């Protein structure tokens, strides 16, 4: 009995090969492949699959687009992530990013310095009844502080104030970063005034800490800010018997 030649099995995208799909490949197969590759961190290959399906006019499921977008954003690849979002929007009416993808989008935008875009992304989330993560809001507020945007911080504070404990935000996040925004703009006196009022006008409120502000000005070697904040801490000790700011400074 003669045997014919044994043909090697064709590898699929899921194994990490660059082999193409056959003409008989169904859209659902592409969908599963993109999901699998994205979960395995093979985002470049998943990206190629989506581009191939798009060139053929084949739509994938919303989940496969979203998981690839998340994987790309997790790597800081904003350009390709937004290209996939555009492709998804062409195939799926009213395609929207998932809550997790939007949170990653905000963090990535802040890292790349697009603060206005990050604020816009936050607004889109809230309009879609999605809840921003603690990390996304924190990074956004810190980014606004680094850019000296006090109005932006107040806007974000207003946007998220009704989210309640689900986000677990401390009001000191906003107070400290407003102070940092004033310092960024060279207005140290306004920063000191705002922080001092926290201890003198609402002494019975939640626990307060300005260690973040002290750490940032020390890291920046901002001697003027350190001097004025230190004088504030001394005043609070001597006149208001409030020792927490001095402790925050000492621990730095």
C-alpha atoms as a PDB file:
ATOM      1  CA  UNK A   1       0.000   0.000   0.000  1.00  0.00           C
ATOM      2  CA  UNK A   2       1.529   3.288  -1.114  1.00  0.00           C
ATOM      3  CA  UNK A   3       0.964   6.388   0.961  1.00  0.00           C
ATOM      4  CA  UNK A   4       0.794   9.826  -0.568  1.00  0.00           C
ATOM      5  CA  UNK A   5       2.958  12.688   0.678  1.00  0.00           C
ATOM      6  CA  UNK A   6       2.135  13.839   4.185  1.00  0.00           C
ATOM      7  CA  UNK A   7       1.159  17.515   4.070  1.00  0.00           C
ATOM      8  CA  UNK A   8       2.139  19.698   7.033  1.00  0.00           C
ATOM      9  CA  UNK A   9      -0.715  21.186   9.016  1.00  0.00           C
ATOM     10  CA  UNK A  10      -1.349  24.848   8.444  1.00  0.00           C
ATOM     11  CA  UNK A  11      -0.757  26.921  11.546  1.00  0.00           C
ATOM     12  CA  UNK A  12      -3.371  29.424  12.603  1.00  0.00           C
ATOM     13  CA  UNK A  13      -3.056  32.968  13.869  1.00  0.00           C
ATOM     14  CA  UNK A  14      -3.691  31.712  17.389  1.00  0.00           C
ATOM     15  CA  UNK A  15      -0.385  29.837  17.390  1.00  0.00           C
ATOM     16  CA  UNK A  16       1.522  32.987  16.632  1.00  0.00           C
ATOM     17  CA  UNK A  17       2.160  32.242  12.966  1.00  0.00           C
ATOM     18  CA  UNK A  18       1.752  34.771  10.190  1.00  0.00           C
ATOM     19  CA  UNK A  19      -0.252  32.368   7.990  1.00  0.00           C
ATOM     20  CA  UNK A  20      -3.319  33.863   6.320  1.00  0.00           C
ATOM     21  CA  UNK A  21      -6.844  32.570   6.644  1.00  0.00           C
ATOM     22  CA  UNK A  22      -8.403  30.620   3.823  1.00  0.00           C
ATOM     23  CA  UNK A  23     -11.326  31.803   1.743  1.00  0.00           C
ATOM     24  CA  UNK A  24     -13.583  29.521   3.762  1.00  0.00           C
ATOM     25  CA  UNK A  25     -12.767  31.246   7.055  1.00  0.00           C
ATOM     26  CA  UNK A  26     -15.926  32.615   8.665  1.00  0.00           C
ATOM     27  CA  UNK A  27     -16.228  35.987  10.460  1.00  0.00           C
ATOM     28  CA  UNK A  28     -16.771  34.174  13.737  1.00  0.00           C
ATOM     29  CA  UNK A  29     -13.380  32.476  13.329  1.00  0.00           C
ATOM     30  CA  UNK A  30     -11.731  35.868  12.919  1.00  0.00           C
ATOM     31  CA  UNK A  31     -13.590  37.108  15.976  1.00  0.00           C
ATOM     32  CA  UNK A  32     -12.323  34.242  18.135  1.00  0.00           C
ATOM     33  CA  UNK A  33      -8.794  34.627  16.791  1.00  0.00           C
ATOM     34  CA  UNK A  34      -8.642  38.332  17.668  1.00  0.00           C
ATOM     35  CA  UNK A  35      -9.973  37.560  21.143  1.00  0.00           C
ATOM     36  CA  UNK A  36      -7.392  34.817  21.681  1.00  0.00           C
ATOM     37  CA  UNK A  37      -4.429  36.775  20.344  1.00  0.00           C
ATOM     38  CA  UNK A  38      -5.344  39.836  22.392  1.00  0.00           C
ATOM     39  CA  UNK A  39      -5.660  37.805  25.581  1.00  0.00           C
ATOM     40  CA  UNK A  40      -2.242  36.283  24.919  1.00  0.00           C
ATOM     41  CA  UNK A  41      -0.695  39.726  24.414  1.00  0.00           C
ATOM     42  CA  UNK A  42      -0.055  39.178  20.708  1.00  0.00           C
ATOM     43  CA  UNK A  43      -1.545  42.540  19.860  1.00  0.00           C
ATOM     44  CA  UNK A  44       0.451  43.128  16.670  1.00  0.00           C
ATOM     45  CA  UNK A  45      -0.930  39.937  15.141  1.00  0.00           C
ATOM     46  CA  UNK A  46      -4.448  40.696  16.356  1.00  0.00           C
ATOM     47  CA  UNK A  47      -4.148  44.154  14.816  1.00  0.00           C
ATOM     48  CA  UNK A  48      -3.199  42.604  11.466  1.00  0.00           C
ATOM     49  CA  UNK A  49      -6.214  40.279  11.603  1.00  0.00           C
ATOM     50  CA  UNK A  50      -8.599  43.183  12.188  1.00  0.00           C
ATOM     51  CA  UNK A  51      -7.024  45.131   9.333  1.00  0.00           C
ATOM     52  CA  UNK A  52      -7.381  42.093   7.071  1.00  0.00           C
ATOM     53  CA  UNK A  53     -11.040  41.574   7.943  1.00  0.00           C
ATOM     54  CA  UNK A  54     -11.738  45.263   7.478  1.00  0.00           C
ATOM     55  CA  UNK A  55     -10.160  45.218   4.019  1.00  0.00           C
ATOM     56  CA  UNK A  56     -12.524  42.367   3.150  1.00  0.00           C
ATOM     57  CA  UNK A  57     -15.522  44.209   4.552  1.00  0.00           C
ATOM     58  CA  UNK A  58     -16.035  41.592   7.267  1.00  0.00           C
ATOM     59  CA  UNK A  59     -17.377  42.832  10.617  1.00  0.00           C
ATOM     60  CA  UNK A  60     -16.257  41.326  13.911  1.00  0.00           C
ATOM     61  CA  UNK A  61     -18.045  41.248  17.229  1.00  0.00           C
ATOM     62  CA  UNK A  62     -17.880  44.324  19.437  1.00  0.00           C
ATOM     63  CA  UNK A  63     -16.075  42.290  22.086  1.00  0.00           C
ATOM     64  CA  UNK A  64     -13.131  41.459  19.836  1.00  0.00           C
ATOM     65  CA  UNK A  65     -12.652  45.086  18.860  1.00  0.00           C
ATOM     66  CA  UNK A  66     -12.860  46.192  22.477  1.00  0.00           C
ATOM     67  CA  UNK A  67     -10.431  43.631  23.870  1.00  0.00           C
ATOM     68  CA  UNK A  68      -7.847  44.561  21.230  1.00  0.00           C
ATOM     69  CA  UNK A  69      -8.318  48.261  21.971  1.00  0.00           C
ATOM     70  CA  UNK A  70      -7.755  47.549  25.664  1.00  0.00           C
ATOM     71  CA  UNK A  71      -4.628  45.533  24.912  1.00  0.00           C
ATOM     72  CA  UNK A  72      -3.237  48.336  22.736  1.00  0.00           C
ATOM     73  CA  UNK A  73      -4.023  51.032  25.311  1.00  0.00           C
ATOM     74  CA  UNK A  74      -2.401  48.955  28.051  1.00  0.00           C
ATOM     75  CA  UNK A  75       0.785  49.201  25.975  1.00  0.00           C
ATOM     76  CA  UNK A  76       0.331  52.937  25.471  1.00  0.00           C
ATOM     77  CA  UNK A  77      -0.382  52.473  21.764  1.00  0.00           C
ATOM     78  CA  UNK A  78      -3.058  55.137  21.434  1.00  0.00           C
ATOM     79  CA  UNK A  79      -2.753  55.571  17.653  1.00  0.00           C
ATOM     80  CA  UNK A  80      -3.488  51.937  16.778  1.00  0.00           C
ATOM     81  CA  UNK A  81      -6.178  51.691  19.461  1.00  0.00           C
ATOM     82  CA  UNK A  82      -8.058  54.626  17.941  1.00  0.00           C
ATOM     83  CA  UNK A  83      -7.640  53.140  14.463  1.00  0.00           C
ATOM     84  CA  UNK A  84      -9.345  49.955  15.670  1.00  0.00           C
ATOM     85  CA  UNK A  85     -12.083  52.055  17.259  1.00  0.00           C
ATOM     86  CA  UNK A  86     -12.653  53.808  13.917  1.00  0.00           C
ATOM     87  CA  UNK A  87     -12.819  50.458  12.124  1.00  0.00           C
ATOM     88  CA  UNK A  88     -15.303  49.137  14.686  1.00  0.00           C
ATOM     89  CA  UNK A  89     -17.466  52.239  14.285  1.00  0.00           C
ATOM     90  CA  UNK A  90     -17.644  51.634  10.539  1.00  0.00           C
ATOM     91  CA  UNK A  91     -18.985  48.121  11.068  1.00  0.00           C
ATOM     92  CA  UNK A  92     -21.060  48.530  14.234  1.00  0.00           C
ATOM     93  CA  UNK A  93     -23.588  51.324  14.576  1.00  0.00           C
ATOM     94  CA  UNK A  94     -23.042  53.398  17.728  1.00  0.00           C
ATOM     95  CA  UNK A  95     -20.002  51.374  18.764  1.00  0.00           C
ATOM     96  CA  UNK A  96     -18.760  52.512  22.175  1.00  0.00           C
ATOM     97  CA  UNK A  97     -15.767  51.547  24.248  1.00  0.00           C
ATOM     98  CA  UNK A  98     -16.359  49.456  27.321  1.00  0.00           C
ATOM     99  CA  UNK A  99     -15.915  50.950  30.778  1.00  0.00           C
ATOM    100  CA  UNK A 100     -12.497  49.316  31.155  1.00  0.00           C
ATOM    101  CA  UNK A 101     -11.350  50.531  27.733  1.00  0.00           C
ATOM    102  CA  UNK A 102     -12.481  54.085  28.485  1.00  0.00           C
ATOM    103  CA  UNK A 103     -10.585  54.074  31.775  1.00  0.00           C
ATOM    104  CA  UNK A 104      -7.441  52.933  29.975  1.00  0.00           C
ATOM    105  CA  UNK A 105      -8.081  55.591  27.342  1.00  0.00           C
ATOM    106  CA  UNK A 106      -8.145  58.349  29.974  1.00  0.00           C
ATOM    107  CA  UNK A 107      -4.927  57.120  31.616  1.00  0.00           C
ATOM    108  CA  UNK A 108      -3.165  56.845  28.251  1.00  0.00           C
ATOM    109  CA  UNK A 109      -4.267  60.318  27.150  1.00  0.00           C
ATOM    110  CA  UNK A 110      -2.968  61.823  30.400  1.00  0.00           C
ATOM    111  CA  UNK A 111       0.376  60.046  29.987  1.00  0.00           C
ATOM    112  CA  UNK A 112       0.686  61.496  26.504  1.00  0.00           C
ATOM    113  CA  UNK A 113      -0.208  64.997  27.671  1.00  0.00           C
ATOM    114  CA  UNK A 114      -3.630  65.234  26.032  1.00  0.00           C
ATOM    115  CA  UNK A 115      -5.454  66.494  29.116  1.00  0.00           C
ATOM    116  CA  UNK A 116      -8.365  68.022  27.201  1.00  0.00           C
ATOM    117  CA  UNK A 117      -8.911  64.737  25.411  1.00  0.00           C
ATOM    118  CA  UNK A 118      -8.890  62.897  28.740  1.00  0.00           C
ATOM    119  CA  UNK A 119     -11.529  65.244  30.167  1.00  0.00           C
ATOM    120  CA  UNK A 120     -13.650  64.725  27.060  1.00  0.00           C
ATOM    121  CA  UNK A 121     -13.292  60.943  27.450  1.00  0.00           C
ATOM    122  CA  UNK A 122     -14.434  61.208  31.077  1.00  0.00           C
ATOM    123  CA  UNK A 123     -17.508  63.163  29.997  1.00  0.00           C
ATOM    124  CA  UNK A 124     -18.307  60.531  27.351  1.00  0.00           C
ATOM    125  CA  UNK A 125     -18.079  57.821  30.020  1.00  0.00           C
ATOM    126  CA  UNK A 126     -20.455  59.596  32.351  1.00  0.00           C
ATOM    127  CA  UNK A 127     -22.927  60.300  29.546  1.00  0.00           C
ATOM    128  CA  UNK A 128     -22.909  56.561  28.814  1.00  0.00           C
ATOM    129  CA  UNK A 129     -23.622  55.792  32.487  1.00  0.00           C
ATOM    130  CA  UNK A 130     -20.171  54.269  32.920  1.00  0.00           C
ATOM    131  CA  UNK A 131     -18.207  54.668  36.135  1.00  0.00           C
ATOM    132  CA  UNK A 132     -14.621  55.934  35.868  1.00  0.00           C
ATOM    133  CA  UNK A 133     -12.044  54.073  37.932  1.00  0.00           C
ATOM    134  CA  UNK A 134     -10.227  55.544  40.916  1.00  0.00           C
ATOM    135  CA  UNK A 135      -6.985  55.342  38.931  1.00  0.00           C
ATOM    136  CA  UNK A 136      -8.394  57.136  35.871  1.00  0.00           C
ATOM    137  CA  UNK A 137      -9.790  60.045  37.890  1.00  0.00           C
ATOM    138  CA  UNK A 138      -6.639  60.293  40.004  1.00  0.00           C
ATOM    139  CA  UNK A 139      -4.335  60.396  36.976  1.00  0.00           C
ATOM    140  CA  UNK A 140      -6.578  62.951  35.286  1.00  0.00           C
ATOM    141  CA  UNK A 141      -6.692  65.278  38.296  1.00  0.00           C
ATOM    142  CA  UNK A 142      -2.932  64.981  38.764  1.00  0.00           C
ATOM    143  CA  UNK A 143      -2.432  65.741  35.075  1.00  0.00           C
ATOM    144  CA  UNK A 144      -4.572  68.860  35.398  1.00  0.00           C
ATOM    145  CA  UNK A 145      -2.545  69.897  38.435  1.00  0.00           C
ATOM    146  CA  UNK A 146       0.710  69.421  36.529  1.00  0.00           C
ATOM    147  CA  UNK A 147      -0.652  71.655  33.785  1.00  0.00           C
ATOM    148  CA  UNK A 148      -1.739  74.373  36.225  1.00  0.00           C
ATOM    149  CA  UNK A 149      -5.403  73.944  35.321  1.00  0.00           C
ATOM    150  CA  UNK A 150      -7.364  74.772  38.488  1.00  0.00           C
ATOM    151  CA  UNK A 151     -10.610  75.252  36.557  1.00  0.00           C
ATOM    152  CA  UNK A 152     -10.229  71.840  34.997  1.00  0.00           C
ATOM    153  CA  UNK A 153      -9.796  70.243  38.428  1.00  0.00           C
ATOM    154  CA  UNK A 154     -12.951  71.971  39.662  1.00  0.00           C
ATOM    155  CA  UNK A 155     -14.820  70.756  36.571  1.00  0.00           C
ATOM    156  CA  UNK A 156     -13.754  67.138  37.122  1.00  0.00           C
ATOM    157  CA  UNK A 157     -14.618  67.402  40.814  1.00  0.00           C
ATOM    158  CA  UNK A 158     -18.092  68.591  39.857  1.00  0.00           C
ATOM    159  CA  UNK A 159     -18.502  65.800  37.290  1.00  0.00           C
ATOM    160  CA  UNK A 160     -17.654  62.967  39.688  1.00  0.00           C
ATOM    161  CA  UNK A 161     -19.107  64.329  42.936  1.00  0.00           C
ATOM    162  CA  UNK A 162     -22.283  62.246  42.609  1.00  0.00           C
ATOM    163  CA  UNK A 163     -20.532  58.923  41.987  1.00  0.00           C
ATOM    164  CA  UNK A 164     -20.355  58.197  45.721  1.00  0.00           C
ATOM    165  CA  UNK A 165     -18.243  55.435  47.264  1.00  0.00           C
ATOM    166  CA  UNK A 166     -18.034  53.450  44.020  1.00  0.00           C
ATOM    167  CA  UNK A 167     -14.953  55.436  42.990  1.00  0.00           C
ATOM    168  CA  UNK A 168     -13.615  55.940  46.546  1.00  0.00           C
ATOM    169  CA  UNK A 169     -12.123  59.372  45.919  1.00  0.00           C
ATOM    170  CA  UNK A 170     -10.698  61.521  48.685  1.00  0.00           C
ATOM    171  CA  UNK A 171     -11.564  65.196  48.531  1.00  0.00           C
ATOM    172  CA  UNK A 172      -7.875  65.827  49.322  1.00  0.00           C
ATOM    173  CA  UNK A 173      -7.115  64.600  45.790  1.00  0.00           C
ATOM    174  CA  UNK A 174      -8.736  67.750  44.467  1.00  0.00           C
ATOM    175  CA  UNK A 175      -7.473  70.107  47.194  1.00  0.00           C
ATOM    176  CA  UNK A 176      -3.861  68.964  46.891  1.00  0.00           C
ATOM    177  CA  UNK A 177      -3.851  69.154  43.108  1.00  0.00           C
ATOM    178  CA  UNK A 178      -5.498  72.575  43.097  1.00  0.00           C
ATOM    179  CA  UNK A 179      -2.595  73.674  45.292  1.00  0.00           C
ATOM    180  CA  UNK A 180      -0.125  72.093  42.869  1.00  0.00           C
ATOM    181  CA  UNK A 181      -1.837  73.875  39.957  1.00  0.00           C
ATOM    182  CA  UNK A 182      -1.446  77.234  41.737  1.00  0.00           C
ATOM    183  CA  UNK A 183       2.226  76.458  42.433  1.00  0.00           C
ATOM    184  CA  UNK A 184       2.719  75.436  38.798  1.00  0.00           C
ATOM    185  CA  UNK A 185       1.371  78.868  37.826  1.00  0.00           C
ATOM    186  CA  UNK A 186       3.722  80.609  40.259  1.00  0.00           C
ATOM    187  CA  UNK A 187       0.900  81.574  42.633  1.00  0.00           C
ATOM    188  CA  UNK A 188       2.226  79.989  45.828  1.00  0.00           C
ATOM    189  CA  UNK A 189       0.198  82.319  48.042  1.00  0.00           C
ATOM    190  CA  UNK A 190      -3.106  81.003  46.646  1.00  0.00           C
ATOM    191  CA  UNK A 191      -1.895  77.442  47.181  1.00  0.00           C
ATOM    192  CA  UNK A 192      -1.028  78.181  50.820  1.00  0.00           C
ATOM    193  CA  UNK A 193      -4.303  80.028  51.373  1.00  0.00           C
ATOM    194  CA  UNK A 194      -6.374  77.137  50.076  1.00  0.00           C
ATOM    195  CA  UNK A 195      -4.524  74.475  52.074  1.00  0.00           C
ATOM    196  CA  UNK A 196      -4.514  76.499  55.280  1.00  0.00           C
ATOM    197  CA  UNK A 197      -8.275  77.003  55.026  1.00  0.00           C
ATOM    198  CA  UNK A 198      -8.746  73.224  55.035  1.00  0.00           C
ATOM    199  CA  UNK A 199      -7.417  73.093  58.596  1.00  0.00           C
ATOM    200  CA  UNK A 200      -8.798  76.364  59.981  1.00  0.00           C
ATOM    201  CA  UNK A 201     -12.321  76.389  58.530  1.00  0.00           C
ATOM    202  CA  UNK A 202     -13.250  72.721  58.755  1.00  0.00           C
ATOM    203  CA  UNK A 203     -11.257  71.249  61.593  1.00  0.00           C
ATOM    204  CA  UNK A 204     -13.860  68.562  62.330  1.00  0.00           C
ATOM    205  CA  UNK A 205     -13.952  67.185  58.799  1.00  0.00           C
ATOM    206  CA  UNK A 206     -12.339  63.993  57.454  1.00  0.00           C
ATOM    207  CA  UNK A 207      -8.657  63.252  57.959  1.00  0.00           C
ATOM    208  CA  UNK A 208      -6.506  65.623  55.927  1.00  0.00           C
ATOM    209  CA  UNK A 209      -2.986  65.193  54.581  1.00  0.00           C
ATOM    210  CA  UNK A 210      -0.884  67.465  52.383  1.00  0.00           C
ATOM    211  CA  UNK A 211       2.075  65.093  52.254  1.00  0.00           C
ATOM    212  CA  UNK A 212       1.545  64.850  48.481  1.00  0.00           C
ATOM    213  CA  UNK A 213       2.126  68.598  48.077  1.00  0.00           C
ATOM    214  CA  UNK A 214       5.231  68.606  50.271  1.00  0.00           C
ATOM    215  CA  UNK A 215       6.671  65.641  48.367  1.00  0.00           C
ATOM    216  CA  UNK A 216       6.068  67.258  44.983  1.00  0.00           C
ATOM    217  CA  UNK A 217       7.616  70.635  45.851  1.00  0.00           C
ATOM    218  CA  UNK A 218      10.603  68.938  47.468  1.00  0.00           C
ATOM    219  CA  UNK A 219      11.112  66.747  44.383  1.00  0.00           C
ATOM    220  CA  UNK A 220      10.944  69.881  42.230  1.00  0.00           C
ATOM    221  CA  UNK A 221      13.435  71.699  44.487  1.00  0.00           C
ATOM    222  CA  UNK A 222      10.947  74.561  44.730  1.00  0.00           C
ATOM    223  CA  UNK A 223      12.499  76.405  47.653  1.00  0.00           C
ATOM    224  CA  UNK A 224       9.974  79.258  47.695  1.00  0.00           C
ATOM    225  CA  UNK A 225       7.043  76.844  47.915  1.00  0.00           C
ATOM    226  CA  UNK A 226       8.766  74.771  50.615  1.00  0.00           C
ATOM    227  CA  UNK A 227       9.460  77.893  52.690  1.00  0.00           C
ATOM    228  CA  UNK A 228       5.902  79.218  52.502  1.00  0.00           C
ATOM    229  CA  UNK A 229       4.317  75.820  53.135  1.00  0.00           C
ATOM    230  CA  UNK A 230       6.661  75.257  56.091  1.00  0.00           C
ATOM    231  CA  UNK A 231       5.676  78.646  57.538  1.00  0.00           C
ATOM    232  CA  UNK A 232       2.036  77.653  57.116  1.00  0.00           C
ATOM    233  CA  UNK A 233       2.616  74.381  58.974  1.00  0.00           C
ATOM    234  CA  UNK A 234       4.293  76.314  61.804  1.00  0.00           C
ATOM    235  CA  UNK A 235       1.355  78.745  62.046  1.00  0.00           C
ATOM    236  CA  UNK A 236      -1.110  75.883  62.254  1.00  0.00           C
ATOM    237  CA  UNK A 237       0.918  74.337  65.090  1.00  0.00           C
ATOM    238  CA  UNK A 238       1.268  77.534  67.069  1.00  0.00           C
ATOM    239  CA  UNK A 239      -2.129  79.156  66.575  1.00  0.00           C
ATOM    240  CA  UNK A 240      -4.523  76.303  65.847  1.00  0.00           C
ATOM    241  CA  UNK A 241      -2.879  73.365  67.628  1.00  0.00           C
ATOM    242  CA  UNK A 242      -2.981  71.484  64.336  1.00  0.00           C
ATOM    243  CA  UNK A 243       0.065  69.285  63.896  1.00  0.00           C
ATOM    244  CA  UNK A 244      -0.748  67.144  60.858  1.00  0.00           C
ATOM    245  CA  UNK A 245       0.828  69.485  58.235  1.00  0.00           C
ATOM    246  CA  UNK A 246       4.060  69.660  60.256  1.00  0.00           C
ATOM    247  CA  UNK A 247       4.028  65.865  60.537  1.00  0.00           C
ATOM    248  CA  UNK A 248       3.494  65.551  56.787  1.00  0.00           C
ATOM    249  CA  UNK A 249       6.502  67.788  56.189  1.00  0.00           C
ATOM    250  CA  UNK A 250       8.665  65.950  58.707  1.00  0.00           C
ATOM    251  CA  UNK A 251       7.896  62.566  57.132  1.00  0.00           C
ATOM    252  CA  UNK A 252       9.139  63.770  53.748  1.00  0.00           C
END
